[in-house]
Amino acid sequence: MIKTITCTLALTHDCTLRCRYCYAGRKYRHSMSRETARRAIDIVLREARDTGKGADISFFGGEPLLEWDLLQWCHSYTLSQANGLIVPPRFAITTNGTLMTPEKLNWMAERDFLIGLSVDGSPDMHNINRRYPDGAGSHSDVAKALLLLNDHPSVRSQVICVVTPSNVQHLSDGVQWLSRHYQGTIGLNVDYWSRWTDEDFEEFSRQYAQVAALVIESYRKGAPIRLRSVDDKINSHIQADNLCQQCKIGEREIAVSVDGKFFPCSRLIGEGDSEEMNFGNVIQGLNRARQQYIISQRGCVTPACKICALRRRCVNSCGCTNFATSGKLNEVSAFLCCTEKLFINTADAIAEELYTEHNPAFMKRFYGTS
């Protein structure tokens, strides 16, 4: 059962960077108005009250820190209107870090923001794609934001590292660099919007085997690397979680474009002009018929998935990933299947080796014993 609705506000189309793999559309100076933000927040808070759920607010872009005043206003307005919710709203931001300052981080830390910082690993890995408009790499500036996070260990944060065909050859070095400079959770987000060749995936497999060796060694040193693609798959075995049920596209999130249109996931906003994924706007409210249609299309209808032994540990029902790779919310591409098998099989090999050793850090983390 979904307990919380997330309202993701795309505050602006503008960005300080011009990342080569960005799925958020053309970058230009066009930002959300305060009135659009107010209407979106009102609709989501009302939806949460009517359904007995909590409501969280997430800030997205472009680069949301370009609209710092609007972000602060949205935070204050949400709290002023949050009466009647079952739990107080929480807040999150996804940022490229180039505009992060001690003052901004302190403000968000005091308000318990979850900060998602995009850092694609080492300088060699990061600067291939994450560049300024003049072509200069952004790693040195983003690394400063990472240092600020390390100075605030109590801040809820995670690093987002995007793996693409163009930077996959640096993946192992990238994870190693991040593990040396950040103690929180590292998320490896595969760029499913790009075209991956067989050679690209072979390199991915080679690099990920080296990442697995790094993870095992980190446990033996008593300082485990927190890699979400490993941790989630290990937990899915230990706790028998059905990961496929975690994606509730059309129901869990209302992602709001700069112009106030509603989409079922922040990764599907793009330039805010897709009619296929749109289910309402801040003027007319939620289009229930479109919302129910999107909900009816989610899940997984791929025949091979139904008989796969790994189906309950796989993200085969992730609507936005399926849409990016197969063009449909409920059909799994061959590439997604290959990456999920790689993640699951690698996590199982890591867990088997550390469990056999009765590694103290591993046993404590996943079993609560030493």
Protein backbone atom coordinates (compact mmCIF):
# COMPACT_ATOMS: atom_id res chain seq x y z
CA MET A 1 0.00 0.00 0.00
CA ILE A 2 1.29 3.45 -0.92
CA LYS A 3 1.59 5.61 2.19
CA THR A 4 2.94 8.80 0.63
CA ILE A 5 2.36 10.79 -2.55
CA THR A 6 5.37 12.64 -3.89
CA CYS A 7 4.89 15.93 -5.68
CA THR A 8 7.94 16.55 -7.87
CA LEU A 9 8.19 20.16 -9.02
CA ALA A 10 10.33 20.86 -12.09
CA LEU A 11 11.20 24.41 -11.09
CA THR A 12 13.00 25.35 -14.30
CA HIS A 13 14.09 24.18 -17.73
CA ASP A 14 17.34 26.09 -17.28
CA CYS A 15 20.51 24.46 -16.01
CA THR A 16 24.11 25.39 -15.32
CA LEU A 17 25.26 22.28 -17.21
CA ARG A 18 24.61 20.71 -20.58
CA CYS A 19 24.89 17.02 -19.75
CA ARG A 20 25.01 14.91 -22.89
CA TYR A 21 22.55 12.28 -21.63
CA CYS A 22 19.97 14.57 -20.02
CA TYR A 23 16.39 13.36 -20.50
CA ALA A 24 14.85 16.61 -19.21
CA GLY A 25 14.74 18.28 -22.60
CA ARG A 26 16.11 21.51 -24.05
CA LYS A 27 17.74 23.91 -21.57
CA TYR A 28 16.45 27.46 -21.69
CA ARG A 29 15.32 30.20 -19.32
CA HIS A 30 11.81 29.15 -18.49
CA SER A 31 10.82 28.68 -14.86
CA MET A 32 7.74 27.72 -12.89
CA SER A 33 5.63 30.59 -11.63
CA ARG A 34 4.77 30.86 -7.96
CA GLU A 35 1.09 30.53 -8.86
CA THR A 36 1.71 27.27 -10.73
CA ALA A 37 3.68 25.92 -7.77
CA ARG A 38 0.94 26.94 -5.36
CA ARG A 39 -1.77 25.25 -7.39
CA ALA A 40 0.29 22.06 -7.74
CA ILE A 41 1.00 21.88 -4.02
CA ASP A 42 -2.67 22.51 -3.19
CA ILE A 43 -3.80 19.68 -5.48
CA VAL A 44 -1.29 17.19 -4.10
CA LEU A 45 -2.05 18.08 -0.48
CA ARG A 46 -5.77 17.70 -1.14
CA GLU A 47 -5.16 14.35 -2.85
CA ALA A 48 -3.13 13.18 0.14
CA ARG A 49 -5.84 14.19 2.61
CA ASP A 50 -8.61 12.59 0.57
CA THR A 51 -6.74 9.29 0.33
CA GLY A 52 -5.29 9.25 3.85
CA LYS A 53 -1.68 9.48 2.69
CA GLY A 54 1.31 11.63 3.45
CA ALA A 55 2.68 14.14 0.95
CA ASP A 56 6.32 14.83 0.15
CA ILE A 57 7.69 17.60 -2.03
CA SER A 58 10.68 17.05 -4.31
CA PHE A 59 12.48 19.72 -6.33
CA PHE A 60 13.75 18.93 -9.80
CA GLY A 61 14.79 20.66 -13.01
CA GLY A 62 16.87 21.63 -14.99
CA GLU A 63 18.83 22.77 -11.97
CA PRO A 64 16.42 23.62 -9.13
CA LEU A 65 18.98 25.69 -7.21
CA LEU A 66 18.68 28.28 -9.99
CA GLU A 67 15.26 28.97 -8.46
CA TRP A 68 16.37 29.17 -4.84
CA ASP A 69 13.82 31.82 -3.81
CA LEU A 70 10.97 29.82 -5.35
CA LEU A 71 12.20 26.63 -3.67
CA GLN A 72 12.22 28.33 -0.27
CA TRP A 73 8.75 29.75 -0.88
CA CYS A 74 7.41 26.30 -1.84
CA HIS A 75 8.80 24.86 1.37
CA SER A 76 7.17 27.53 3.52
CA TYR A 77 3.87 27.37 1.66
CA THR A 78 3.69 23.57 1.92
CA LEU A 79 4.18 23.67 5.67
CA SER A 80 1.57 26.42 6.05
CA GLN A 81 -0.99 24.25 4.23
CA ALA A 82 -0.07 20.85 5.67
CA ASN A 83 -2.76 20.64 8.34
CA GLY A 84 -4.75 17.44 8.21
CA LEU A 85 -1.97 15.25 6.80
CA ILE A 86 -1.28 11.99 8.61
CA VAL A 87 2.44 12.88 8.82
CA PRO A 88 4.33 16.14 8.24
CA PRO A 89 5.61 16.54 4.67
CA ARG A 90 9.26 15.89 3.90
CA PHE A 91 11.38 17.48 1.22
CA ALA A 92 13.98 16.39 -1.31
CA ILE A 93 16.06 17.86 -4.09
CA THR A 94 18.01 16.50 -7.05
CA THR A 95 20.88 18.83 -7.89
CA ASN A 96 24.04 18.90 -9.97
CA GLY A 97 25.81 20.63 -7.08
CA THR A 98 27.38 23.47 -9.06
CA LEU A 99 25.39 26.10 -7.14
CA MET A 100 25.64 24.48 -3.72
CA THR A 101 26.94 26.76 -0.97
CA PRO A 102 27.40 26.26 2.79
CA GLU A 103 24.44 28.58 3.36
CA LYS A 104 22.10 26.63 1.07
CA LEU A 105 23.19 23.31 2.51
CA ASN A 106 22.76 24.54 6.07
CA TRP A 107 19.25 25.75 5.24
CA MET A 108 18.28 22.38 3.74
CA ALA A 109 19.99 20.43 6.53
CA GLU A 110 17.99 22.30 9.16
CA ARG A 111 14.82 21.26 7.32
CA ASP A 112 15.83 17.62 6.89
CA PHE A 113 15.99 17.64 3.09
CA LEU A 114 17.05 14.50 1.26
CA ILE A 115 19.75 15.68 -1.13
CA GLY A 116 20.43 13.74 -4.31
CA LEU A 117 23.74 14.92 -5.75
CA SER A 118 24.66 13.98 -9.31
CA VAL A 119 28.33 12.97 -9.49
CA ASP A 120 29.42 10.57 -12.19
CA GLY A 121 32.38 9.16 -10.28
CA SER A 122 35.96 10.17 -11.01
CA PRO A 123 36.99 13.23 -13.05
CA ASP A 124 37.61 11.08 -16.14
CA MET A 125 34.19 9.47 -15.88
CA HIS A 126 32.23 12.56 -14.87
CA ASN A 127 33.64 15.09 -17.33
CA ILE A 128 32.80 12.99 -20.39
CA ASN A 129 29.13 13.94 -20.09
CA ARG A 130 28.60 16.49 -17.32
CA ARG A 131 29.90 19.67 -18.88
CA TYR A 132 29.24 23.40 -18.82
CA PRO A 133 27.81 25.10 -21.92
CA ASP A 134 31.35 26.05 -23.00
CA GLY A 135 32.39 22.39 -22.92
CA ALA A 136 34.41 22.56 -19.70
CA GLY A 137 34.07 19.66 -17.28
CA SER A 138 32.22 20.29 -14.00
CA HIS A 139 33.83 17.68 -11.74
CA SER A 140 36.01 20.05 -9.71
CA ASP A 141 32.99 22.21 -8.82
CA VAL A 142 30.72 19.27 -8.03
CA ALA A 143 33.46 17.74 -5.84
CA LYS A 144 33.21 20.87 -3.67
CA ALA A 145 29.53 20.11 -3.08
CA LEU A 146 30.50 16.57 -2.12
CA LEU A 147 32.92 17.99 0.44
CA LEU A 148 30.12 20.10 1.89
CA LEU A 149 27.97 16.98 2.28
CA ASN A 150 30.82 15.21 4.05
CA ASP A 151 30.98 18.13 6.48
CA HIS A 152 27.30 17.45 7.32
CA PRO A 153 27.21 13.70 8.07
CA SER A 154 23.72 14.00 9.58
CA VAL A 155 22.24 15.23 6.28
CA ARG A 156 20.16 12.67 4.41
CA SER A 157 21.90 12.35 1.07
CA GLN A 158 22.78 10.04 -1.78
CA VAL A 159 25.01 10.28 -4.83
CA ILE A 160 23.60 9.65 -8.29
CA CYS A 161 26.17 8.25 -10.73
CA VAL A 162 24.89 7.80 -14.27
CA VAL A 163 26.50 5.03 -16.33
CA THR A 164 26.42 5.53 -20.09
CA PRO A 165 28.00 3.81 -23.08
CA SER A 166 30.42 6.75 -23.31
CA ASN A 167 31.73 6.56 -19.72
CA VAL A 168 31.26 2.89 -18.80
CA GLN A 169 34.98 2.16 -19.30
CA HIS A 170 35.63 4.28 -16.18
CA LEU A 171 32.95 2.68 -13.97
CA SER A 172 35.24 0.81 -11.58
CA ASP A 173 37.54 3.79 -11.11
CA GLY A 174 34.48 5.99 -10.70
CA VAL A 175 33.03 3.89 -7.89
CA GLN A 176 36.43 3.72 -6.24
CA TRP A 177 36.77 7.51 -6.38
CA LEU A 178 33.30 8.01 -4.91
CA SER A 179 33.94 5.53 -2.11
CA ARG A 180 37.03 7.50 -1.11
CA HIS A 181 35.26 10.84 -1.10
CA TYR A 182 31.76 10.00 0.13
CA GLN A 183 30.47 7.72 2.88
CA GLY A 184 26.78 7.64 1.95
CA THR A 185 24.77 5.61 -0.54
CA ILE A 186 25.92 5.53 -4.15
CA GLY A 187 23.29 4.91 -6.79
CA LEU A 188 24.39 3.65 -10.18
CA ASN A 189 21.76 4.81 -12.65
CA VAL A 190 22.07 3.11 -16.01
CA ASP A 191 21.31 5.49 -18.87
CA TYR A 192 18.46 3.54 -20.41
CA TRP A 193 17.70 6.33 -22.87
CA SER A 194 20.95 5.71 -24.77
CA ARG A 195 21.66 2.97 -27.30
CA TRP A 196 23.88 0.25 -25.82
CA THR A 197 25.73 -2.10 -28.16
CA ASP A 198 26.78 -5.65 -27.27
CA GLU A 199 30.34 -4.36 -26.88
CA ASP A 200 29.15 -1.65 -24.47
CA PHE A 201 27.41 -4.22 -22.31
CA GLU A 202 30.45 -6.49 -22.32
CA GLU A 203 32.48 -3.57 -21.00
CA PHE A 204 29.76 -2.89 -18.41
CA SER A 205 30.01 -6.52 -17.25
CA ARG A 206 33.80 -6.34 -16.99
CA GLN A 207 33.69 -3.09 -15.07
CA TYR A 208 30.95 -4.30 -12.75
CA ALA A 209 32.97 -7.40 -11.87
CA GLN A 210 35.74 -5.04 -10.76
CA VAL A 211 33.18 -3.04 -8.77
CA ALA A 212 32.14 -6.28 -7.03
CA ALA A 213 35.75 -6.90 -6.03
CA LEU A 214 35.91 -3.37 -4.59
CA VAL A 215 32.74 -3.98 -2.57
CA ILE A 216 34.03 -7.27 -1.15
CA GLU A 217 37.34 -5.69 -0.21
CA SER A 218 35.56 -2.77 1.47
CA TYR A 219 33.67 -5.19 3.73
CA ARG A 220 36.90 -6.97 4.64
CA LYS A 221 38.36 -3.60 5.64
CA GLY A 222 35.30 -2.90 7.81
CA ALA A 223 34.24 0.13 5.75
CA PRO A 224 31.55 -1.17 3.35
CA ILE A 225 30.80 0.69 0.15
CA ARG A 226 27.09 1.49 0.13
CA LEU A 227 26.13 0.67 -3.43
CA ARG A 228 22.38 0.66 -3.98
CA SER A 229 22.49 -1.79 -6.91
CA VAL A 230 24.18 -4.30 -4.61
CA ASP A 231 22.35 -3.59 -1.36
CA ASP A 232 18.86 -3.65 -2.86
CA LYS A 233 19.42 -6.98 -4.57
CA ILE A 234 20.90 -8.59 -1.45
CA ASN A 235 17.96 -7.37 0.60
CA SER A 236 15.54 -8.68 -2.04
CA HIS A 237 16.90 -12.17 -1.38
CA ILE A 238 17.11 -11.97 2.40
CA GLN A 239 13.73 -10.32 2.90
CA ALA A 240 12.00 -11.90 -0.11
CA ASP A 241 10.76 -8.46 -1.15
CA ASN A 242 8.85 -8.19 -4.39
CA LEU A 243 10.74 -5.34 -6.03
CA CYS A 244 8.34 -5.37 -8.96
CA GLN A 245 5.64 -3.97 -6.71
CA GLN A 246 7.69 -0.93 -5.77
CA CYS A 247 6.86 0.93 -8.99
CA LYS A 248 3.35 2.38 -8.71
CA ILE A 249 3.52 4.66 -11.71
CA GLY A 250 0.51 6.94 -12.00
CA GLU A 251 -0.21 6.64 -8.30
CA ARG A 252 2.93 7.17 -6.24
CA GLU A 253 4.12 10.42 -7.83
CA ILE A 254 2.68 13.52 -9.44
CA ALA A 255 5.49 15.13 -11.40
CA VAL A 256 4.71 18.71 -12.39
CA SER A 257 6.26 20.37 -15.44
CA VAL A 258 7.34 24.01 -15.48
CA ASP A 259 4.01 24.88 -17.11
CA GLY A 260 1.98 22.90 -14.59
CA LYS A 261 1.23 19.70 -16.49
CA PHE A 262 1.06 16.41 -14.56
CA PHE A 263 3.17 13.35 -15.38
CA PRO A 264 3.46 10.01 -13.56
CA CYS A 265 7.24 10.17 -12.99
CA SER A 266 9.88 12.90 -12.94
CA ARG A 267 11.83 10.99 -15.59
CA LEU A 268 8.88 11.33 -17.97
CA ILE A 269 8.43 15.11 -17.79
CA GLY A 270 10.98 15.91 -20.49
CA GLU A 271 10.05 19.26 -21.99
CA GLY A 272 6.53 18.88 -20.62
CA ASP A 273 4.90 18.40 -24.04
CA SER A 274 4.16 14.66 -24.08
CA GLU A 275 0.44 14.03 -24.41
CA GLU A 276 0.88 10.28 -24.02
CA MET A 277 2.05 10.53 -20.42
CA ASN A 278 0.11 13.63 -19.36
CA PHE A 279 -2.75 13.18 -16.88
CA GLY A 280 -3.92 16.67 -15.96
CA ASN A 281 -2.65 20.11 -15.02
CA VAL A 282 -2.81 22.67 -12.24
CA ILE A 283 -5.83 24.44 -13.77
CA GLN A 284 -8.11 21.48 -14.49
CA GLY A 285 -6.74 19.15 -11.83
CA LEU A 286 -6.10 15.43 -12.19
CA ASN A 287 -7.49 13.77 -15.28
CA ARG A 288 -8.79 10.62 -13.61
CA ALA A 289 -9.48 8.78 -16.85
CA ARG A 290 -5.92 9.33 -18.10
CA GLN A 291 -4.50 8.49 -14.67
CA GLN A 292 -6.43 5.24 -14.51
CA TYR A 293 -5.35 4.36 -18.03
CA ILE A 294 -1.68 4.80 -17.09
CA ILE A 295 -2.24 2.72 -13.96
CA SER A 296 -3.90 0.01 -16.06
CA GLN A 297 -0.86 -0.17 -18.34
CA ARG A 298 1.76 -0.66 -15.65
CA GLY A 299 3.23 -3.97 -14.53
CA CYS A 300 4.93 -6.48 -16.80
CA VAL A 301 3.39 -8.46 -19.65
CA THR A 302 6.63 -9.77 -21.16
CA PRO A 303 6.17 -13.57 -21.40
CA ALA A 304 9.77 -14.44 -20.50
CA CYS A 305 9.48 -12.50 -17.25
CA LYS A 306 6.53 -14.54 -16.04
CA ILE A 307 8.61 -17.74 -15.89
CA CYS A 308 11.91 -16.18 -14.84
CA ALA A 309 13.23 -17.31 -11.45
CA LEU A 310 14.47 -13.78 -10.77
CA ARG A 311 11.22 -11.99 -11.55
CA ARG A 312 10.44 -11.13 -7.93
CA ARG A 313 13.84 -9.46 -7.50
CA CYS A 314 13.81 -7.52 -10.75
CA VAL A 315 12.54 -4.04 -11.63
CA ASN A 316 10.64 -5.44 -14.60
CA SER A 317 7.58 -3.33 -13.74
CA CYS A 318 9.43 0.01 -13.53
CA GLY A 319 7.21 2.02 -15.84
CA CYS A 320 9.60 4.82 -16.79
CA THR A 321 12.50 2.42 -17.43
CA ASN A 322 10.31 0.18 -19.56
CA PHE A 323 9.03 3.21 -21.46
CA ALA A 324 12.56 4.41 -22.12
CA THR A 325 13.78 1.05 -23.40
CA SER A 326 10.75 -0.58 -25.02
CA GLY A 327 8.38 2.32 -25.63
CA LYS A 328 5.72 0.77 -23.38
CA LEU A 329 5.16 0.95 -19.63
CA ASN A 330 4.74 -2.80 -19.23
CA GLU A 331 7.18 -4.39 -21.65
CA VAL A 332 10.75 -5.26 -20.70
CA SER A 333 13.56 -4.78 -23.19
CA ALA A 334 16.36 -7.27 -23.66
CA PHE A 335 18.84 -4.70 -22.38
CA LEU A 336 16.96 -4.12 -19.12
CA CYS A 337 16.76 -7.89 -18.65
CA CYS A 338 20.53 -8.20 -19.10
CA THR A 339 21.36 -5.40 -16.67
CA GLU A 340 19.00 -6.73 -14.00
CA LYS A 341 20.48 -10.23 -14.28
CA LEU A 342 23.94 -8.71 -13.98
CA PHE A 343 22.96 -6.78 -10.84
CA ILE A 344 21.21 -9.74 -9.19
CA ASN A 345 23.83 -12.37 -10.00
CA THR A 346 26.69 -10.09 -8.95
CA ALA A 347 24.98 -9.19 -5.67
CA ASP A 348 24.37 -12.88 -4.94
CA ALA A 349 28.02 -13.71 -5.59
CA ILE A 350 29.14 -10.90 -3.27
CA ALA A 351 26.73 -12.00 -0.56
CA GLU A 352 27.67 -15.67 -0.83
CA GLU A 353 31.36 -14.93 -0.46
CA LEU A 354 30.94 -12.59 2.51
CA TYR A 355 28.35 -14.82 4.21
CA THR A 356 30.62 -17.85 3.87
CA GLU A 357 33.40 -15.88 5.52
CA HIS A 358 30.95 -14.72 8.19
CA ASN A 359 32.25 -11.22 7.53
CA PRO A 360 31.35 -9.11 10.60
CA ALA A 361 30.43 -5.95 8.68
CA PHE A 362 28.26 -7.91 6.25
CA MET A 363 26.50 -9.93 8.97
CA LYS A 364 25.79 -6.83 11.01
CA ARG A 365 24.44 -4.87 8.08
CA PHE A 366 22.15 -7.46 6.55
CA TYR A 367 21.37 -9.79 9.45
CA GLY A 368 21.82 -7.59 12.51
CA THR A 369 24.39 -9.93 13.98
CA SER A 370 28.16 -9.79 14.32
